[in-house]
């Protein structure tokens, strides 16, 4: 989906699971000691990146992304087609004489952010629904009723009208945020040395800040019974809880939030309208 929407490429990953896009994406998130060192260095210990030769993208992944993105940009320029997608945005950067490396890097970020996140949300949703049949029954009833009122078709308006689907997805994102933390940097106007949180704590200017999303969203101080799957905690009768920030919060929150939510909802609707998921002896208890 991200290949088509962002880059205008039909990756056909279902028919061709060994295709370049899927293979490189899976390799990026494949767990290993080396990848753990790479990610830890990039986010928490940038001083040792050169020492341990840490890389967010391997040489082969960088080469694939660079060649693919530049090739697609060249084809789009030659065709004159305008799709109002990421490639068109990148071409506008090129016309403004931004460095090509910077342009490719922006496309690489979209590839990374959109590859694994939505599928993880849907996987965790089905996992929790398998353990909470009452929630699943209520959600499936809403999906079936909504589709029946729209001749069985999934539309933007119908998706947004499904209030229970909305709170189910919100609860999944609370318990299983796509990223376990947010990374920010304290930036203050000239002359200010630090940002005071209280009389005892001051954050110095330019200090990196890491916000533990997963821990906050599982903290009983902010959420009653945090390890229990309760979609109703986000119903209209409950106030919005700013401790829930799976896509970040403020002016720098994830720009792909609405796209990711819509993609996850469409996936769940498409599956649950015809199927029911149940737990078995192999299903993890926690």
C-alpha atoms as a PDB file:
ATOM      1  CA  UNK A   1       0.000   0.000   0.000  1.00  0.00           C
ATOM      2  CA  UNK A   2       2.758   2.471   0.921  1.00  0.00           C
ATOM      3  CA  UNK A   3       4.524   1.702  -2.376  1.00  0.00           C
ATOM      4  CA  UNK A   4       1.399   2.591  -4.352  1.00  0.00           C
ATOM      5  CA  UNK A   5       0.189   5.589  -2.356  1.00  0.00           C
ATOM      6  CA  UNK A   6       3.551   7.247  -1.725  1.00  0.00           C
ATOM      7  CA  UNK A   7       5.604   6.258  -4.759  1.00  0.00           C
ATOM      8  CA  UNK A   8       3.076   5.300  -7.423  1.00  0.00           C
ATOM      9  CA  UNK A   9       4.556   1.786  -7.666  1.00  0.00           C
ATOM     10  CA  UNK A  10       2.515  -1.413  -7.828  1.00  0.00           C
ATOM     11  CA  UNK A  11       4.629  -3.705  -5.640  1.00  0.00           C
ATOM     12  CA  UNK A  12       2.138  -6.635  -5.791  1.00  0.00           C
ATOM     13  CA  UNK A  13       3.476  -7.971  -2.480  1.00  0.00           C
ATOM     14  CA  UNK A  14       0.634 -10.474  -2.060  1.00  0.00           C
ATOM     15  CA  UNK A  15       1.287 -12.076  -5.436  1.00  0.00           C
ATOM     16  CA  UNK A  16       5.038 -11.593  -5.215  1.00  0.00           C
ATOM     17  CA  UNK A  17       6.063 -11.789  -1.525  1.00  0.00           C
ATOM     18  CA  UNK A  18       9.750 -11.851  -2.484  1.00  0.00           C
ATOM     19  CA  UNK A  19       9.551  -8.555  -4.388  1.00  0.00           C
ATOM     20  CA  UNK A  20      12.138  -5.857  -3.763  1.00  0.00           C
ATOM     21  CA  UNK A  21       9.877  -3.576  -1.715  1.00  0.00           C
ATOM     22  CA  UNK A  22       8.691  -6.238   0.718  1.00  0.00           C
ATOM     23  CA  UNK A  23      12.082  -7.943   0.981  1.00  0.00           C
ATOM     24  CA  UNK A  24      13.910  -4.720   1.838  1.00  0.00           C
ATOM     25  CA  UNK A  25      11.189  -3.598   4.221  1.00  0.00           C
ATOM     26  CA  UNK A  26      11.221  -6.863   6.149  1.00  0.00           C
ATOM     27  CA  UNK A  27      15.020  -6.814   6.322  1.00  0.00           C
ATOM     28  CA  UNK A  28      14.891  -3.335   7.844  1.00  0.00           C
ATOM     29  CA  UNK A  29      12.812  -4.561  10.806  1.00  0.00           C
ATOM     30  CA  UNK A  30      14.306  -8.048  11.138  1.00  0.00           C
ATOM     31  CA  UNK A  31      15.447  -8.540  14.724  1.00  0.00           C
ATOM     32  CA  UNK A  32      19.138  -9.231  15.285  1.00  0.00           C
ATOM     33  CA  UNK A  33      21.907  -8.144  17.640  1.00  0.00           C
ATOM     34  CA  UNK A  34      23.394  -5.898  14.938  1.00  0.00           C
ATOM     35  CA  UNK A  35      20.052  -4.172  14.290  1.00  0.00           C
ATOM     36  CA  UNK A  36      19.591  -3.658  18.040  1.00  0.00           C
ATOM     37  CA  UNK A  37      23.010  -1.967  18.208  1.00  0.00           C
ATOM     38  CA  UNK A  38      22.173   0.143  15.140  1.00  0.00           C
ATOM     39  CA  UNK A  39      18.847   1.413  16.483  1.00  0.00           C
ATOM     40  CA  UNK A  40      20.205   2.015  19.994  1.00  0.00           C
ATOM     41  CA  UNK A  41      23.135   3.994  18.618  1.00  0.00           C
ATOM     42  CA  UNK A  42      21.052   6.105  16.238  1.00  0.00           C
ATOM     43  CA  UNK A  43      18.464   7.095  18.844  1.00  0.00           C
ATOM     44  CA  UNK A  44      20.322   7.059  22.163  1.00  0.00           C
ATOM     45  CA  UNK A  45      24.095   7.051  21.584  1.00  0.00           C
ATOM     46  CA  UNK A  46      24.853   9.056  18.424  1.00  0.00           C
ATOM     47  CA  UNK A  47      28.410   9.642  19.670  1.00  0.00           C
ATOM     48  CA  UNK A  48      29.339   6.005  18.978  1.00  0.00           C
ATOM     49  CA  UNK A  49      27.705   5.664  15.546  1.00  0.00           C
ATOM     50  CA  UNK A  50      31.019   5.810  13.691  1.00  0.00           C
ATOM     51  CA  UNK A  51      32.733   3.588  16.253  1.00  0.00           C
ATOM     52  CA  UNK A  52      30.270   0.697  15.845  1.00  0.00           C
ATOM     53  CA  UNK A  53      29.525   1.462  12.172  1.00  0.00           C
ATOM     54  CA  UNK A  54      25.823   1.848  12.978  1.00  0.00           C
ATOM     55  CA  UNK A  55      23.436   2.415  10.070  1.00  0.00           C
ATOM     56  CA  UNK A  56      19.680   2.843  10.016  1.00  0.00           C
ATOM     57  CA  UNK A  57      19.668   1.512   6.448  1.00  0.00           C
ATOM     58  CA  UNK A  58      22.152  -1.095   5.255  1.00  0.00           C
ATOM     59  CA  UNK A  59      24.174  -0.406   2.109  1.00  0.00           C
ATOM     60  CA  UNK A  60      21.894  -2.627   0.013  1.00  0.00           C
ATOM     61  CA  UNK A  61      18.738  -0.974   1.388  1.00  0.00           C
ATOM     62  CA  UNK A  62      20.151   2.503   0.769  1.00  0.00           C
ATOM     63  CA  UNK A  63      21.097   1.553  -2.783  1.00  0.00           C
ATOM     64  CA  UNK A  64      17.636   0.095  -3.435  1.00  0.00           C
ATOM     65  CA  UNK A  65      15.799   3.155  -2.098  1.00  0.00           C
ATOM     66  CA  UNK A  66      18.077   5.617  -3.884  1.00  0.00           C
ATOM     67  CA  UNK A  67      17.806   3.906  -7.273  1.00  0.00           C
ATOM     68  CA  UNK A  68      14.058   3.269  -6.963  1.00  0.00           C
ATOM     69  CA  UNK A  69      13.110   6.776  -5.868  1.00  0.00           C
ATOM     70  CA  UNK A  70      15.318   8.573  -8.390  1.00  0.00           C
ATOM     71  CA  UNK A  71      14.037   6.301 -11.182  1.00  0.00           C
ATOM     72  CA  UNK A  72      10.382   6.945 -10.282  1.00  0.00           C
ATOM     73  CA  UNK A  73      11.044  10.695 -10.135  1.00  0.00           C
ATOM     74  CA  UNK A  74      12.634  10.611 -13.599  1.00  0.00           C
ATOM     75  CA  UNK A  75       9.678   8.683 -15.058  1.00  0.00           C
ATOM     76  CA  UNK A  76       7.186  11.085 -13.456  1.00  0.00           C
ATOM     77  CA  UNK A  77       9.026  14.094 -14.885  1.00  0.00           C
ATOM     78  CA  UNK A  78       9.083  12.557 -18.362  1.00  0.00           C
ATOM     79  CA  UNK A  79       5.402  11.592 -18.323  1.00  0.00           C
ATOM     80  CA  UNK A  80       4.133  14.898 -16.967  1.00  0.00           C
ATOM     81  CA  UNK A  81       1.531  13.008 -14.904  1.00  0.00           C
ATOM     82  CA  UNK A  82       0.427  14.699 -11.670  1.00  0.00           C
ATOM     83  CA  UNK A  83      -0.870  12.380  -8.918  1.00  0.00           C
ATOM     84  CA  UNK A  84      -0.578  14.758  -5.965  1.00  0.00           C
ATOM     85  CA  UNK A  85       1.428  12.121  -4.084  1.00  0.00           C
ATOM     86  CA  UNK A  86       4.807  12.013  -2.356  1.00  0.00           C
ATOM     87  CA  UNK A  87       6.720  11.839  -5.651  1.00  0.00           C
ATOM     88  CA  UNK A  88       5.128  15.100  -6.791  1.00  0.00           C
ATOM     89  CA  UNK A  89       6.147  16.706  -3.496  1.00  0.00           C
ATOM     90  CA  UNK A  90       9.715  15.465  -3.975  1.00  0.00           C
ATOM     91  CA  UNK A  91       9.777  16.843  -7.509  1.00  0.00           C
ATOM     92  CA  UNK A  92       8.754  20.240  -6.169  1.00  0.00           C
ATOM     93  CA  UNK A  93      11.733  20.042  -3.788  1.00  0.00           C
ATOM     94  CA  UNK A  94      13.974  19.216  -6.732  1.00  0.00           C
ATOM     95  CA  UNK A  95      12.761  22.303  -8.608  1.00  0.00           C
ATOM     96  CA  UNK A  96      13.711  24.351  -5.544  1.00  0.00           C
ATOM     97  CA  UNK A  97      17.261  22.955  -5.824  1.00  0.00           C
ATOM     98  CA  UNK A  98      17.219  20.909  -2.643  1.00  0.00           C
ATOM     99  CA  UNK A  99      20.078  18.339  -2.525  1.00  0.00           C
ATOM    100  CA  UNK A 100      19.103  14.980  -4.013  1.00  0.00           C
ATOM    101  CA  UNK A 101      20.338  13.127  -0.922  1.00  0.00           C
ATOM    102  CA  UNK A 102      17.947  15.140   1.241  1.00  0.00           C
ATOM    103  CA  UNK A 103      15.051  14.452  -1.137  1.00  0.00           C
ATOM    104  CA  UNK A 104      15.699  10.698  -1.157  1.00  0.00           C
ATOM    105  CA  UNK A 105      16.017  10.740   2.640  1.00  0.00           C
ATOM    106  CA  UNK A 106      12.482  12.161   2.970  1.00  0.00           C
ATOM    107  CA  UNK A 107      11.115   9.356   0.810  1.00  0.00           C
ATOM    108  CA  UNK A 108      13.058   6.805   2.863  1.00  0.00           C
ATOM    109  CA  UNK A 109      11.441   8.095   6.058  1.00  0.00           C
ATOM    110  CA  UNK A 110       7.972   7.538   4.571  1.00  0.00           C
ATOM    111  CA  UNK A 111       8.978   4.022   3.553  1.00  0.00           C
ATOM    112  CA  UNK A 112      10.161   3.239   7.081  1.00  0.00           C
ATOM    113  CA  UNK A 113       7.193   4.814   8.864  1.00  0.00           C
ATOM    114  CA  UNK A 114       4.541   3.254   6.643  1.00  0.00           C
ATOM    115  CA  UNK A 115       5.860  -0.264   6.146  1.00  0.00           C
ATOM    116  CA  UNK A 116       5.257  -1.986   9.473  1.00  0.00           C
ATOM    117  CA  UNK A 117       3.044   0.289  11.553  1.00  0.00           C
ATOM    118  CA  UNK A 118      -0.457  -0.312  10.154  1.00  0.00           C
ATOM    119  CA  UNK A 119      -0.021  -4.077   9.866  1.00  0.00           C
ATOM    120  CA  UNK A 120       1.080  -4.154  13.514  1.00  0.00           C
ATOM    121  CA  UNK A 121      -2.024  -2.245  14.592  1.00  0.00           C
ATOM    122  CA  UNK A 122      -4.296  -4.688  12.749  1.00  0.00           C
ATOM    123  CA  UNK A 123      -2.411  -7.701  14.129  1.00  0.00           C
ATOM    124  CA  UNK A 124      -2.712  -6.500  17.732  1.00  0.00           C
ATOM    125  CA  UNK A 125      -6.368  -5.606  17.165  1.00  0.00           C
ATOM    126  CA  UNK A 126      -7.190  -9.128  15.997  1.00  0.00           C
ATOM    127  CA  UNK A 127      -5.190 -10.548  18.901  1.00  0.00           C
ATOM    128  CA  UNK A 128      -7.190  -8.584  21.476  1.00  0.00           C
ATOM    129  CA  UNK A 129     -10.492  -9.291  19.718  1.00  0.00           C
ATOM    130  CA  UNK A 130      -9.746 -13.019  19.826  1.00  0.00           C
ATOM    131  CA  UNK A 131      -9.444 -12.766  23.619  1.00  0.00           C
ATOM    132  CA  UNK A 132     -12.429 -10.439  24.057  1.00  0.00           C
ATOM    133  CA  UNK A 133     -15.315 -12.015  22.179  1.00  0.00           C
ATOM    134  CA  UNK A 134     -17.881  -9.584  23.583  1.00  0.00           C
ATOM    135  CA  UNK A 135     -15.958  -6.665  22.090  1.00  0.00           C
ATOM    136  CA  UNK A 136     -15.578  -8.493  18.786  1.00  0.00           C
ATOM    137  CA  UNK A 137     -19.289  -9.329  18.609  1.00  0.00           C
ATOM    138  CA  UNK A 138     -20.236  -5.697  19.238  1.00  0.00           C
ATOM    139  CA  UNK A 139     -17.741  -4.460  16.640  1.00  0.00           C
ATOM    140  CA  UNK A 140     -18.834  -6.974  13.993  1.00  0.00           C
ATOM    141  CA  UNK A 141     -22.464  -6.025  14.587  1.00  0.00           C
ATOM    142  CA  UNK A 142     -21.627  -2.356  13.999  1.00  0.00           C
ATOM    143  CA  UNK A 143     -19.673  -3.185  10.836  1.00  0.00           C
ATOM    144  CA  UNK A 144     -22.450  -5.359   9.397  1.00  0.00           C
ATOM    145  CA  UNK A 145     -25.176  -2.821  10.190  1.00  0.00           C
ATOM    146  CA  UNK A 146     -23.194   0.083   8.753  1.00  0.00           C
ATOM    147  CA  UNK A 147     -22.377  -1.765   5.530  1.00  0.00           C
ATOM    148  CA  UNK A 148     -25.973  -2.960   5.163  1.00  0.00           C
ATOM    149  CA  UNK A 149     -27.083   0.674   5.239  1.00  0.00           C
ATOM    150  CA  UNK A 150     -24.630   1.474   2.422  1.00  0.00           C
ATOM    151  CA  UNK A 151     -25.363  -1.386  -0.003  1.00  0.00           C
ATOM    152  CA  UNK A 152     -22.417  -3.334   1.362  1.00  0.00           C
ATOM    153  CA  UNK A 153     -19.877  -0.747   0.214  1.00  0.00           C
ATOM    154  CA  UNK A 154     -17.047   0.653   2.323  1.00  0.00           C
ATOM    155  CA  UNK A 155     -16.875   4.437   2.030  1.00  0.00           C
ATOM    156  CA  UNK A 156     -15.075   7.240   3.830  1.00  0.00           C
ATOM    157  CA  UNK A 157     -18.323   8.441   5.380  1.00  0.00           C
ATOM    158  CA  UNK A 158     -19.325   4.966   6.562  1.00  0.00           C
ATOM    159  CA  UNK A 159     -15.923   4.354   8.149  1.00  0.00           C
ATOM    160  CA  UNK A 160     -16.097   7.635  10.060  1.00  0.00           C
ATOM    161  CA  UNK A 161     -19.611   6.815  11.268  1.00  0.00           C
ATOM    162  CA  UNK A 162     -18.432   3.644  13.046  1.00  0.00           C
ATOM    163  CA  UNK A 163     -17.941   4.971  16.574  1.00  0.00           C
ATOM    164  CA  UNK A 164     -17.184   1.618  18.182  1.00  0.00           C
ATOM    165  CA  UNK A 165     -14.533   0.833  15.565  1.00  0.00           C
ATOM    166  CA  UNK A 166     -12.953   4.180  16.409  1.00  0.00           C
ATOM    167  CA  UNK A 167     -12.617   3.444  20.133  1.00  0.00           C
ATOM    168  CA  UNK A 168     -11.428  -0.131  19.500  1.00  0.00           C
ATOM    169  CA  UNK A 169      -8.582   1.161  17.343  1.00  0.00           C
ATOM    170  CA  UNK A 170      -7.787   3.869  19.907  1.00  0.00           C
ATOM    171  CA  UNK A 171      -7.523   1.261  22.654  1.00  0.00           C
ATOM    172  CA  UNK A 172      -5.274  -0.930  20.503  1.00  0.00           C
ATOM    173  CA  UNK A 173      -3.001   2.059  19.885  1.00  0.00           C
ATOM    174  CA  UNK A 174      -2.932   2.828  23.604  1.00  0.00           C
ATOM    175  CA  UNK A 175      -1.848  -0.687  24.541  1.00  0.00           C
ATOM    176  CA  UNK A 176       0.425  -1.252  21.545  1.00  0.00           C
ATOM    177  CA  UNK A 177       1.745   2.080  20.213  1.00  0.00           C
ATOM    178  CA  UNK A 178       3.617   1.769  16.875  1.00  0.00           C
ATOM    179  CA  UNK A 179       6.645   3.465  18.468  1.00  0.00           C
ATOM    180  CA  UNK A 180       7.468   2.967  22.163  1.00  0.00           C
ATOM    181  CA  UNK A 181       8.882   6.475  22.565  1.00  0.00           C
ATOM    182  CA  UNK A 182       9.014   9.986  21.102  1.00  0.00           C
ATOM    183  CA  UNK A 183      12.314  11.763  20.539  1.00  0.00           C
ATOM    184  CA  UNK A 184      12.438  15.542  20.707  1.00  0.00           C
ATOM    185  CA  UNK A 185      14.949  18.320  21.418  1.00  0.00           C
ATOM    186  CA  UNK A 186      14.524  21.304  23.713  1.00  0.00           C
ATOM    187  CA  UNK A 187      14.857  24.440  21.589  1.00  0.00           C
ATOM    188  CA  UNK A 188      14.517  27.825  23.242  1.00  0.00           C
ATOM    189  CA  UNK A 189      14.783  31.444  22.019  1.00  0.00           C
ATOM    190  CA  UNK A 190      18.157  33.153  22.294  1.00  0.00           C
ATOM    191  CA  UNK A 191      19.061  34.117  25.827  1.00  0.00           C
ATOM    192  CA  UNK A 192      17.064  31.368  27.560  1.00  0.00           C
ATOM    193  CA  UNK A 193      19.243  28.711  29.159  1.00  0.00           C
ATOM    194  CA  UNK A 194      16.594  26.182  30.054  1.00  0.00           C
ATOM    195  CA  UNK A 195      12.909  25.282  30.275  1.00  0.00           C
ATOM    196  CA  UNK A 196      11.611  24.963  33.831  1.00  0.00           C
ATOM    197  CA  UNK A 197       9.105  22.206  34.480  1.00  0.00           C
ATOM    198  CA  UNK A 198       9.026  23.044  38.189  1.00  0.00           C
ATOM    199  CA  UNK A 199      11.297  24.489  40.884  1.00  0.00           C
ATOM    200  CA  UNK A 200      13.459  21.366  40.939  1.00  0.00           C
ATOM    201  CA  UNK A 201      13.675  20.424  37.277  1.00  0.00           C
ATOM    202  CA  UNK A 202      14.970  22.424  34.337  1.00  0.00           C
ATOM    203  CA  UNK A 203      15.631  21.087  30.828  1.00  0.00           C
ATOM    204  CA  UNK A 204      18.744  22.719  29.314  1.00  0.00           C
ATOM    205  CA  UNK A 205      18.531  24.211  25.847  1.00  0.00           C
ATOM    206  CA  UNK A 206      19.361  21.733  23.038  1.00  0.00           C
ATOM    207  CA  UNK A 207      18.999  18.714  25.326  1.00  0.00           C
ATOM    208  CA  UNK A 208      17.554  15.578  23.630  1.00  0.00           C
ATOM    209  CA  UNK A 209      14.313  14.419  25.234  1.00  0.00           C
ATOM    210  CA  UNK A 210      12.777  10.964  25.075  1.00  0.00           C
ATOM    211  CA  UNK A 211       9.126  10.496  26.046  1.00  0.00           C
ATOM    212  CA  UNK A 212       8.273   6.874  26.985  1.00  0.00           C
ATOM    213  CA  UNK A 213       4.917   6.510  25.219  1.00  0.00           C
ATOM    214  CA  UNK A 214       4.473   2.824  26.009  1.00  0.00           C
ATOM    215  CA  UNK A 215       5.104   3.328  29.736  1.00  0.00           C
ATOM    216  CA  UNK A 216       2.849   6.377  29.983  1.00  0.00           C
ATOM    217  CA  UNK A 217      -0.021   4.671  28.168  1.00  0.00           C
ATOM    218  CA  UNK A 218       0.249   1.670  30.507  1.00  0.00           C
ATOM    219  CA  UNK A 219       0.501   3.781  33.665  1.00  0.00           C
ATOM    220  CA  UNK A 220      -2.426   3.309  36.120  1.00  0.00           C
ATOM    221  CA  UNK A 221      -1.976   6.962  37.072  1.00  0.00           C
ATOM    222  CA  UNK A 222      -3.467   7.915  33.699  1.00  0.00           C
ATOM    223  CA  UNK A 223      -5.505   4.848  32.723  1.00  0.00           C
ATOM    224  CA  UNK A 224      -7.589   2.664  34.997  1.00  0.00           C
ATOM    225  CA  UNK A 225      -6.638  -1.017  34.660  1.00  0.00           C
ATOM    226  CA  UNK A 226      -4.098  -0.176  31.932  1.00  0.00           C
ATOM    227  CA  UNK A 227      -3.387  -3.793  30.988  1.00  0.00           C
ATOM    228  CA  UNK A 228      -7.057  -4.557  30.376  1.00  0.00           C
ATOM    229  CA  UNK A 229      -8.504  -4.091  26.888  1.00  0.00           C
ATOM    230  CA  UNK A 230     -11.399  -1.651  27.416  1.00  0.00           C
ATOM    231  CA  UNK A 231     -12.392   0.349  24.295  1.00  0.00           C
ATOM    232  CA  UNK A 232     -15.172   2.081  26.241  1.00  0.00           C
ATOM    233  CA  UNK A 233     -12.558   4.168  28.058  1.00  0.00           C
ATOM    234  CA  UNK A 234     -12.453   6.318  24.886  1.00  0.00           C
ATOM    235  CA  UNK A 235     -16.222   6.644  24.435  1.00  0.00           C
ATOM    236  CA  UNK A 236     -17.903  10.042  24.128  1.00  0.00           C
ATOM    237  CA  UNK A 237     -18.751  10.005  27.814  1.00  0.00           C
ATOM    238  CA  UNK A 238     -15.071  10.079  28.715  1.00  0.00           C
ATOM    239  CA  UNK A 239     -12.857  13.115  28.317  1.00  0.00           C
ATOM    240  CA  UNK A 240      -9.983  13.062  25.874  1.00  0.00           C
ATOM    241  CA  UNK A 241      -6.849  11.858  27.641  1.00  0.00           C
ATOM    242  CA  UNK A 242      -3.699  13.614  26.449  1.00  0.00           C
ATOM    243  CA  UNK A 243      -1.611  10.865  28.030  1.00  0.00           C
ATOM    244  CA  UNK A 244      -2.663   8.799  25.013  1.00  0.00           C
ATOM    245  CA  UNK A 245      -0.320   9.862  22.201  1.00  0.00           C
ATOM    246  CA  UNK A 246       0.484   6.929  19.889  1.00  0.00           C
ATOM    247  CA  UNK A 247       1.112   9.321  16.975  1.00  0.00           C
ATOM    248  CA  UNK A 248       2.797  11.966  19.077  1.00  0.00           C
ATOM    249  CA  UNK A 249       1.187  15.204  20.164  1.00  0.00           C
ATOM    250  CA  UNK A 250       1.421  18.885  19.300  1.00  0.00           C
ATOM    251  CA  UNK A 251       2.576  20.550  16.052  1.00  0.00           C
ATOM    252  CA  UNK A 252       5.096  17.794  15.297  1.00  0.00           C
ATOM    253  CA  UNK A 253       2.798  14.800  15.612  1.00  0.00           C
ATOM    254  CA  UNK A 254       2.857  12.145  12.876  1.00  0.00           C
ATOM    255  CA  UNK A 255       1.676  13.569   9.539  1.00  0.00           C
ATOM    256  CA  UNK A 256       0.556  10.087   8.498  1.00  0.00           C
ATOM    257  CA  UNK A 257      -1.875   9.686  11.408  1.00  0.00           C
ATOM    258  CA  UNK A 258      -5.118   9.963   9.423  1.00  0.00           C
ATOM    259  CA  UNK A 259      -3.777   7.798   6.604  1.00  0.00           C
ATOM    260  CA  UNK A 260      -2.603   5.115   9.034  1.00  0.00           C
ATOM    261  CA  UNK A 261      -5.894   5.099  10.940  1.00  0.00           C
ATOM    262  CA  UNK A 262      -7.932   4.881   7.746  1.00  0.00           C
ATOM    263  CA  UNK A 263      -5.795   2.042   6.407  1.00  0.00           C
ATOM    264  CA  UNK A 264      -6.122   0.060   9.658  1.00  0.00           C
ATOM    265  CA  UNK A 265      -9.892   0.586   9.806  1.00  0.00           C
ATOM    266  CA  UNK A 266     -10.383  -0.519   6.195  1.00  0.00           C
ATOM    267  CA  UNK A 267      -8.328  -3.641   6.877  1.00  0.00           C
ATOM    268  CA  UNK A 268     -10.323  -4.543   9.987  1.00  0.00           C
ATOM    269  CA  UNK A 269     -13.671  -3.892   8.299  1.00  0.00           C
ATOM    270  CA  UNK A 270     -12.711  -6.004   5.287  1.00  0.00           C
ATOM    271  CA  UNK A 271     -11.723  -8.910   7.516  1.00  0.00           C
ATOM    272  CA  UNK A 272     -14.372  -8.776  10.234  1.00  0.00           C
ATOM    273  CA  UNK A 273     -17.361  -8.325   7.920  1.00  0.00           C
ATOM    274  CA  UNK A 274     -16.984 -11.953   6.831  1.00  0.00           C
ATOM    275  CA  UNK A 275     -14.761 -13.571   9.457  1.00  0.00           C
ATOM    276  CA  UNK A 276     -14.514 -14.039  13.202  1.00  0.00           C
ATOM    277  CA  UNK A 277     -11.195 -14.519  14.969  1.00  0.00           C
ATOM    278  CA  UNK A 278     -10.879 -16.881  17.943  1.00  0.00           C
ATOM    279  CA  UNK A 279      -8.034 -17.729  20.292  1.00  0.00           C
ATOM    280  CA  UNK A 280      -6.575 -21.222  20.564  1.00  0.00           C
ATOM    281  CA  UNK A 281      -4.018 -22.993  22.723  1.00  0.00           C
ATOM    282  CA  UNK A 282      -1.173 -21.266  20.863  1.00  0.00           C
ATOM    283  CA  UNK A 283      -2.494 -17.746  21.464  1.00  0.00           C
ATOM    284  CA  UNK A 284      -0.310 -15.815  23.908  1.00  0.00           C
ATOM    285  CA  UNK A 285      -2.083 -15.065  27.183  1.00  0.00           C
ATOM    286  CA  UNK A 286      -0.427 -11.664  27.602  1.00  0.00           C
END
